[in-house]
C-alpha atoms as a PDB file:
ATOM      1  CA  MET A   1      -0.041  -0.120   0.216  1.00  0.00           C
ATOM      2  CA  LYS A   2       2.819   2.761   1.008  1.00  0.00           C
ATOM      3  CA  ASN A   3       4.907   1.683  -2.266  1.00  0.00           C
ATOM      4  CA  TRP A   4       1.547   2.351  -4.681  1.00  0.00           C
ATOM      5  CA  LEU A   5       0.780   5.642  -2.868  1.00  0.00           C
ATOM      6  CA  TYR A   6       4.177   6.599  -3.182  1.00  0.00           C
ATOM      7  CA  ARG A   7       3.623   6.030  -6.351  1.00  0.00           C
ATOM      8  CA  LEU A   8       0.852   7.872  -6.891  1.00  0.00           C
ATOM      9  CA  GLU A   9       1.890  10.765  -5.206  1.00  0.00           C
ATOM     10  CA  TYR A  10       5.050  11.033  -7.507  1.00  0.00           C
ATOM     11  CA  LYS A  11       2.588  11.536 -10.471  1.00  0.00           C
ATOM     12  CA  TYR A  12      -0.522  13.159  -9.039  1.00  0.00           C
ATOM     13  CA  GLY A  13       0.488  14.889  -6.110  1.00  0.00           C
ATOM     14  CA  ARG A  14       0.407  18.452  -7.289  1.00  0.00           C
ATOM     15  CA  LYS A  15      -3.482  17.683  -8.225  1.00  0.00           C
ATOM     16  CA  ALA A  16      -4.123  17.371  -3.977  1.00  0.00           C
ATOM     17  CA  ILE A  17      -6.494  19.561  -2.692  1.00  0.00           C
ATOM     18  CA  PRO A  18      -4.781  21.463   0.219  1.00  0.00           C
ATOM     19  CA  ASN A  19      -6.940  22.219   3.190  1.00  0.00           C
ATOM     20  CA  LEU A  20      -8.740  19.628   2.460  1.00  0.00           C
ATOM     21  CA  MET A  21     -10.883  19.322   5.806  1.00  0.00           C
ATOM     22  CA  MET A  22     -11.438  23.389   5.850  1.00  0.00           C
ATOM     23  CA  THR A  23     -13.115  23.020   2.615  1.00  0.00           C
ATOM     24  CA  VAL A  24     -15.539  20.064   4.195  1.00  0.00           C
ATOM     25  CA  VAL A  25     -15.961  21.984   7.157  1.00  0.00           C
ATOM     26  CA  ILE A  26     -16.742  25.656   5.602  1.00  0.00           C
ATOM     27  CA  GLY A  27     -19.566  23.379   3.498  1.00  0.00           C
ATOM     28  CA  MET A  28     -21.079  21.580   6.260  1.00  0.00           C
ATOM     29  CA  ALA A  29     -21.590  25.291   7.996  1.00  0.00           C
ATOM     30  CA  LEU A  30     -22.896  26.647   5.185  1.00  0.00           C
ATOM     31  CA  VAL A  31     -25.172  24.338   4.434  1.00  0.00           C
ATOM     32  CA  TYR A  32     -26.908  24.260   8.409  1.00  0.00           C
ATOM     33  CA  VAL A  33     -26.917  27.718   8.480  1.00  0.00           C
ATOM     34  CA  ALA A  34     -28.705  27.685   4.887  1.00  0.00           C
ATOM     35  CA  ASP A  35     -30.953  24.858   6.594  1.00  0.00           C
ATOM     36  CA  LEU A  36     -31.202  27.132   9.957  1.00  0.00           C
ATOM     37  CA  LEU A  37     -32.147  30.162   8.359  1.00  0.00           C
ATOM     38  CA  ASN A  38     -34.765  28.777   5.914  1.00  0.00           C
ATOM     39  CA  PRO A  39     -36.304  25.361   6.946  1.00  0.00           C
ATOM     40  CA  THR A  40     -38.454  24.632   4.279  1.00  0.00           C
ATOM     41  CA  ILE A  41     -35.549  24.523   1.851  1.00  0.00           C
ATOM     42  CA  ASN A  42     -34.285  21.873   3.316  1.00  0.00           C
ATOM     43  CA  LEU A  43     -30.784  21.978   1.685  1.00  0.00           C
ATOM     44  CA  ALA A  44     -29.499  18.437   3.781  1.00  0.00           C
ATOM     45  CA  GLY A  45     -31.988  16.706   2.050  1.00  0.00           C
ATOM     46  CA  TYR A  46     -30.884  17.136  -1.775  1.00  0.00           C
ATOM     47  CA  LEU A  47     -27.081  15.982  -0.390  1.00  0.00           C
ATOM     48  CA  TYR A  48     -27.381  12.940   1.055  1.00  0.00           C
ATOM     49  CA  LEU A  49     -26.797  10.046  -0.646  1.00  0.00           C
ATOM     50  CA  SER A  50     -29.682   8.247  -1.918  1.00  0.00           C
ATOM     51  CA  ARG A  51     -29.336   5.127  -4.301  1.00  0.00           C
ATOM     52  CA  ASP A  52     -32.537   5.946  -5.687  1.00  0.00           C
ATOM     53  CA  ALA A  53     -31.726   9.548  -6.276  1.00  0.00           C
ATOM     54  CA  LEU A  54     -28.431   8.489  -8.034  1.00  0.00           C
ATOM     55  CA  LEU A  55     -30.529   6.607 -10.273  1.00  0.00           C
ATOM     56  CA  ARG A  56     -32.921   9.370 -11.307  1.00  0.00           C
ATOM     57  CA  GLY A  57     -29.910  11.270 -12.291  1.00  0.00           C
ATOM     58  CA  GLN A  58     -28.645  13.268  -9.259  1.00  0.00           C
ATOM     59  CA  VAL A  59     -25.140  12.513  -9.698  1.00  0.00           C
ATOM     60  CA  TRP A  60     -24.345  15.439  -7.560  1.00  0.00           C
ATOM     61  CA  ARG A  61     -24.587  13.659  -4.342  1.00  0.00           C
ATOM     62  CA  LEU A  62     -22.132  11.578  -4.684  1.00  0.00           C
ATOM     63  CA  PHE A  63     -19.874  14.267  -3.507  1.00  0.00           C
ATOM     64  CA  THR A  64     -22.263  16.718  -1.763  1.00  0.00           C
ATOM     65  CA  PHE A  65     -22.909  14.356   1.141  1.00  0.00           C
ATOM     66  CA  ILE A  66     -19.366  15.053   2.793  1.00  0.00           C
ATOM     67  CA  PHE A  67     -21.058  18.333   3.305  1.00  0.00           C
ATOM     68  CA  LEU A  68     -23.926  17.276   5.692  1.00  0.00           C
ATOM     69  CA  PRO A  69     -23.662  18.882   8.829  1.00  0.00           C
ATOM     70  CA  PRO A  70     -24.192  17.129  12.471  1.00  0.00           C
ATOM     71  CA  GLN A  71     -27.852  17.124  13.263  1.00  0.00           C
ATOM     72  CA  SER A  72     -27.754  18.277  16.770  1.00  0.00           C
ATOM     73  CA  THR A  73     -27.810  21.401  18.885  1.00  0.00           C
ATOM     74  CA  PRO A  74     -25.826  24.738  17.306  1.00  0.00           C
ATOM     75  CA  VAL A  75     -22.950  24.171  20.254  1.00  0.00           C
ATOM     76  CA  PHE A  76     -22.438  20.623  19.702  1.00  0.00           C
ATOM     77  CA  ILE A  77     -22.556  21.287  15.859  1.00  0.00           C
ATOM     78  CA  VAL A  78     -19.913  24.174  16.313  1.00  0.00           C
ATOM     79  CA  LEU A  79     -17.401  21.547  18.541  1.00  0.00           C
ATOM     80  CA  SER A  80     -18.146  18.739  16.048  1.00  0.00           C
ATOM     81  CA  LEU A  81     -16.672  21.090  13.056  1.00  0.00           C
ATOM     82  CA  TYR A  82     -13.912  22.259  15.201  1.00  0.00           C
ATOM     83  CA  PHE A  83     -12.813  18.767  16.095  1.00  0.00           C
ATOM     84  CA  TYR A  84     -13.402  17.578  12.244  1.00  0.00           C
ATOM     85  CA  TYR A  85     -11.531  20.445  11.278  1.00  0.00           C
ATOM     86  CA  TRP A  86      -8.654  19.554  13.862  1.00  0.00           C
ATOM     87  CA  ILE A  87      -8.278  16.120  13.242  1.00  0.00           C
ATOM     88  CA  GLY A  88      -8.455  16.766   9.685  1.00  0.00           C
ATOM     89  CA  GLY A  89      -5.438  19.113   9.340  1.00  0.00           C
ATOM     90  CA  SER A  90      -3.428  16.652  12.162  1.00  0.00           C
ATOM     91  CA  LEU A  91      -3.487  13.717   9.702  1.00  0.00           C
ATOM     92  CA  GLU A  92      -3.060  16.453   6.428  1.00  0.00           C
ATOM     93  CA  SER A  93       0.164  17.562   8.286  1.00  0.00           C
ATOM     94  CA  THR A  94       1.436  14.537   9.277  1.00  0.00           C
ATOM     95  CA  TRP A  95       0.882  12.547   5.593  1.00  0.00           C
ATOM     96  CA  GLY A  96       0.628  15.547   3.384  1.00  0.00           C
ATOM     97  CA  SER A  97      -2.256  16.816   1.210  1.00  0.00           C
ATOM     98  CA  PHE A  98      -2.234  14.050  -1.061  1.00  0.00           C
ATOM     99  CA  ARG A  99      -2.176  11.044   0.795  1.00  0.00           C
ATOM    100  CA  PHE A 100      -4.895  12.660   3.551  1.00  0.00           C
ATOM    101  CA  ASN A 101      -6.963  13.085   0.146  1.00  0.00           C
ATOM    102  CA  MET A 102      -6.243   9.420  -1.021  1.00  0.00           C
ATOM    103  CA  TYR A 103      -7.678   8.458   2.927  1.00  0.00           C
ATOM    104  CA  TYR A 104     -10.626  10.522   2.317  1.00  0.00           C
ATOM    105  CA  LEU A 105     -11.060   9.634  -1.230  1.00  0.00           C
ATOM    106  CA  PHE A 106     -11.459   5.908   0.122  1.00  0.00           C
ATOM    107  CA  GLY A 107     -13.670   6.461   2.494  1.00  0.00           C
ATOM    108  CA  VAL A 108     -16.192   8.518   0.141  1.00  0.00           C
ATOM    109  CA  ILE A 109     -16.049   5.687  -2.097  1.00  0.00           C
ATOM    110  CA  GLY A 110     -16.694   3.065   0.779  1.00  0.00           C
ATOM    111  CA  ALA A 111     -19.791   5.576   1.682  1.00  0.00           C
ATOM    112  CA  ILE A 112     -21.204   5.455  -1.831  1.00  0.00           C
ATOM    113  CA  ILE A 113     -20.420   1.576  -2.129  1.00  0.00           C
ATOM    114  CA  SER A 114     -22.609   1.307   1.065  1.00  0.00           C
ATOM    115  CA  CYS A 115     -25.105   3.385  -0.418  1.00  0.00           C
ATOM    116  CA  LEU A 116     -25.581   1.192  -3.773  1.00  0.00           C
ATOM    117  CA  ILE A 117     -26.056  -1.723  -1.675  1.00  0.00           C
ATOM    118  CA  THR A 118     -28.478  -0.603   1.188  1.00  0.00           C
ATOM    119  CA  GLY A 119     -29.674   2.532  -0.658  1.00  0.00           C
ATOM    120  CA  SER A 120     -28.397   5.172   1.415  1.00  0.00           C
ATOM    121  CA  ALA A 121     -25.727   6.750   3.309  1.00  0.00           C
ATOM    122  CA  ASP A 122     -24.654   9.897   5.053  1.00  0.00           C
ATOM    123  CA  ASN A 123     -20.771  10.743   6.052  1.00  0.00           C
ATOM    124  CA  TYR A 124     -20.903   9.936   9.884  1.00  0.00           C
ATOM    125  CA  PHE A 125     -18.957   7.112   9.478  1.00  0.00           C
ATOM    126  CA  LEU A 126     -16.477   8.785   7.248  1.00  0.00           C
ATOM    127  CA  ASN A 127     -15.884  11.061   9.632  1.00  0.00           C
ATOM    128  CA  MET A 128     -15.132   8.481  12.285  1.00  0.00           C
ATOM    129  CA  SER A 129     -12.854   7.077  10.077  1.00  0.00           C
ATOM    130  CA  LEU A 130     -10.846  10.387  10.278  1.00  0.00           C
ATOM    131  CA  PHE A 131     -10.756  10.053  14.094  1.00  0.00           C
ATOM    132  CA  PHE A 132      -9.306   6.313  14.014  1.00  0.00           C
ATOM    133  CA  ALA A 133      -6.831   7.556  12.198  1.00  0.00           C
ATOM    134  CA  PHE A 134      -5.965  10.259  14.062  1.00  0.00           C
ATOM    135  CA  ALA A 135      -6.118   8.236  17.481  1.00  0.00           C
ATOM    136  CA  VAL A 136      -3.592   5.566  15.761  1.00  0.00           C
ATOM    137  CA  LEU A 137      -1.092   8.341  14.751  1.00  0.00           C
ATOM    138  CA  TYR A 138      -1.797  10.273  17.934  1.00  0.00           C
ATOM    139  CA  PRO A 139      -2.796   7.827  20.726  1.00  0.00           C
ATOM    140  CA  ASP A 140      -1.409   9.608  23.825  1.00  0.00           C
ATOM    141  CA  MET A 141      -2.551  13.428  23.269  1.00  0.00           C
ATOM    142  CA  GLN A 142      -5.032  14.228  25.213  1.00  0.00           C
ATOM    143  CA  VAL A 143      -8.626  15.778  24.917  1.00  0.00           C
ATOM    144  CA  LEU A 144     -10.754  17.245  27.490  1.00  0.00           C
ATOM    145  CA  LEU A 145     -14.098  15.353  27.803  1.00  0.00           C
ATOM    146  CA  PHE A 146     -17.179  17.466  28.871  1.00  0.00           C
ATOM    147  CA  PHE A 147     -14.825  20.288  28.398  1.00  0.00           C
ATOM    148  CA  PHE A 148     -12.976  19.233  31.826  1.00  0.00           C
ATOM    149  CA  ILE A 149     -12.328  16.000  32.087  1.00  0.00           C
ATOM    150  CA  PRO A 150      -8.644  15.370  30.545  1.00  0.00           C
ATOM    151  CA  ILE A 151      -8.753  11.941  28.677  1.00  0.00           C
ATOM    152  CA  LYS A 152      -5.859  10.291  25.925  1.00  0.00           C
ATOM    153  CA  VAL A 153      -7.420   9.937  22.825  1.00  0.00           C
ATOM    154  CA  LYS A 154      -6.620   6.284  22.530  1.00  0.00           C
ATOM    155  CA  TRP A 155      -9.005   5.474  24.981  1.00  0.00           C
ATOM    156  CA  LEU A 156     -11.968   7.998  23.295  1.00  0.00           C
ATOM    157  CA  ALA A 157     -10.530   5.362  19.994  1.00  0.00           C
ATOM    158  CA  LEU A 158     -11.138   2.366  21.796  1.00  0.00           C
ATOM    159  CA  LEU A 159     -14.808   3.449  23.193  1.00  0.00           C
ATOM    160  CA  ASP A 160     -16.224   4.322  19.920  1.00  0.00           C
ATOM    161  CA  ALA A 161     -14.434   0.746  18.335  1.00  0.00           C
ATOM    162  CA  VAL A 162     -16.285  -0.909  21.490  1.00  0.00           C
ATOM    163  CA  LEU A 163     -19.527   1.172  20.407  1.00  0.00           C
ATOM    164  CA  PHE A 164     -19.049   0.416  16.250  1.00  0.00           C
ATOM    165  CA  LEU A 165     -18.757  -3.489  17.398  1.00  0.00           C
ATOM    166  CA  PHE A 166     -21.947  -3.506  19.765  1.00  0.00           C
ATOM    167  CA  SER A 167     -23.526  -1.467  16.544  1.00  0.00           C
ATOM    168  CA  PHE A 168     -22.461  -4.516  14.410  1.00  0.00           C
ATOM    169  CA  ILE A 169     -23.424  -7.121  16.153  1.00  0.00           C
ATOM    170  CA  THR A 170     -26.573  -5.688  17.164  1.00  0.00           C
ATOM    171  CA  GLY A 171     -27.427  -3.150  13.854  1.00  0.00           C
ATOM    172  CA  SER A 172     -29.223  -4.701  10.749  1.00  0.00           C
ATOM    173  CA  TRP A 173     -27.090  -5.588   7.494  1.00  0.00           C
ATOM    174  CA  PRO A 174     -27.129  -2.207   6.077  1.00  0.00           C
ATOM    175  CA  VAL A 175     -25.611  -0.421   9.377  1.00  0.00           C
ATOM    176  CA  ARG A 176     -23.171  -3.509   9.269  1.00  0.00           C
ATOM    177  CA  ILE A 177     -22.539  -2.861   5.677  1.00  0.00           C
ATOM    178  CA  ALA A 178     -22.245   0.874   6.558  1.00  0.00           C
ATOM    179  CA  ILE A 179     -19.688   0.216   9.570  1.00  0.00           C
ATOM    180  CA  VAL A 180     -17.530  -2.037   7.166  1.00  0.00           C
ATOM    181  CA  MET A 181     -17.279  -0.082   3.841  1.00  0.00           C
ATOM    182  CA  SER A 182     -16.652   2.823   6.371  1.00  0.00           C
ATOM    183  CA  LEU A 183     -13.416   1.602   7.745  1.00  0.00           C
ATOM    184  CA  VAL A 184     -12.200   0.593   3.987  1.00  0.00           C
ATOM    185  CA  ASN A 185      -9.889   3.650   4.072  1.00  0.00           C
ATOM    186  CA  PHE A 186      -8.475   3.056   7.724  1.00  0.00           C
ATOM    187  CA  PHE A 187      -7.740  -0.934   7.239  1.00  0.00           C
ATOM    188  CA  LEU A 188      -5.885  -0.137   3.567  1.00  0.00           C
ATOM    189  CA  PHE A 189      -3.714   2.636   5.379  1.00  0.00           C
ATOM    190  CA  PHE A 190      -2.920   0.430   8.925  1.00  0.00           C
ATOM    191  CA  GLY A 191      -3.921  -2.719   8.247  1.00  0.00           C
ATOM    192  CA  PRO A 192      -0.631  -4.138   6.894  1.00  0.00           C
ATOM    193  CA  ASP A 193       1.089  -2.301   9.733  1.00  0.00           C
ATOM    194  CA  PHE A 194      -1.256  -4.218  12.170  1.00  0.00           C
ATOM    195  CA  ILE A 195      -0.457  -7.583  10.328  1.00  0.00           C
ATOM    196  CA  LYS A 196       3.089  -7.101  10.860  1.00  0.00           C
ATOM    197  CA  ARG A 197       2.938  -6.031  14.252  1.00  0.00           C
ATOM    198  CA  ILE A 198       0.867  -9.309  15.209  1.00  0.00           C
ATOM    199  CA  GLY A 199       3.171 -11.048  13.685  1.00  0.00           C
ATOM    200  CA  ASN A 200       6.081  -9.672  15.150  1.00  0.00           C
ATOM    201  CA  ASP A 201       4.577 -10.236  18.598  1.00  0.00           C
ATOM    202  CA  SER A 202       3.680 -13.599  17.490  1.00  0.00           C
ATOM    203  CA  LYS A 203       7.252 -14.791  16.855  1.00  0.00           C
ATOM    204  CA  TYR A 204       8.473 -12.561  19.942  1.00  0.00           C
ATOM    205  CA  TRP A 205       6.002 -14.800  22.301  1.00  0.00           C
ATOM    206  CA  ARG A 206       6.972 -17.737  20.971  1.00  0.00           C
ATOM    207  CA  SER A 207      10.765 -17.175  21.223  1.00  0.00           C
ATOM    208  CA  ARG A 208      10.166 -16.779  24.832  1.00  0.00           C
ATOM    209  CA  ALA A 209       8.352 -19.519  25.332  1.00  0.00           C
ATOM    210  CA  GLN A 210      11.115 -21.651  23.718  1.00  0.00           C
ATOM    211  CA  PHE A 211      13.542 -20.318  25.634  1.00  0.00           C
ATOM    212  CA  ARG A 212      11.882 -20.757  29.251  1.00  0.00           C
ATOM    213  CA  ARG A 213      11.234 -24.584  27.550  1.00  0.00           C
ATOM    214  CA  ASN A 214      14.720 -24.958  26.991  1.00  0.00           C
ATOM    215  CA  ASN A 215      15.811 -23.902  30.251  1.00  0.00           C
ATOM    216  CA  ARG A 216      13.466 -26.145  32.048  1.00  0.00           C
ATOM    217  CA  ARG A 217      15.519 -29.251  30.592  1.00  0.00           C
END
């Protein structure tokens, strides 16, 4: 995967969109404000991924769904948009614009495939995949839970992973498909390293076990 990304970046790196997450967050904010000022328009209703709408020729939904804002209170939305911008900007500063673009693109493709299978999709799981990548790269960074409880990002990610697993076990098949497809980008980028680490740990513990058996003889 890394070698493939290197080759793509060498050829197409200049075409990457810089500050991609800022663009996405600004789009979310504009959609939210538009629907807040004039709820009868229901702009968000024209943006989310719908298989039926795509089949009717509304192909803009293939990318406009990324601009859907969270459905919550204004304060929570402001915090969510800031959080999205923060983790997206952090990933881009670590990987560079091209690799972050590719990670986000794979997440978008996963959401589209999920929509084609199940009938609809939004950007919730896509945005969560950004958080999981952030947690892998910055596991010990602390955030303030409920504004005053310091907690490391890795523990929040573990909690979200447990919630994902619970939703996968108890949810319907459309929910399960949405979860699996939303994590395609995460496994493409981090899966090989996890597999390699598991293999190295397995060799280490086998070697230790063999060493102990030899000493007992």
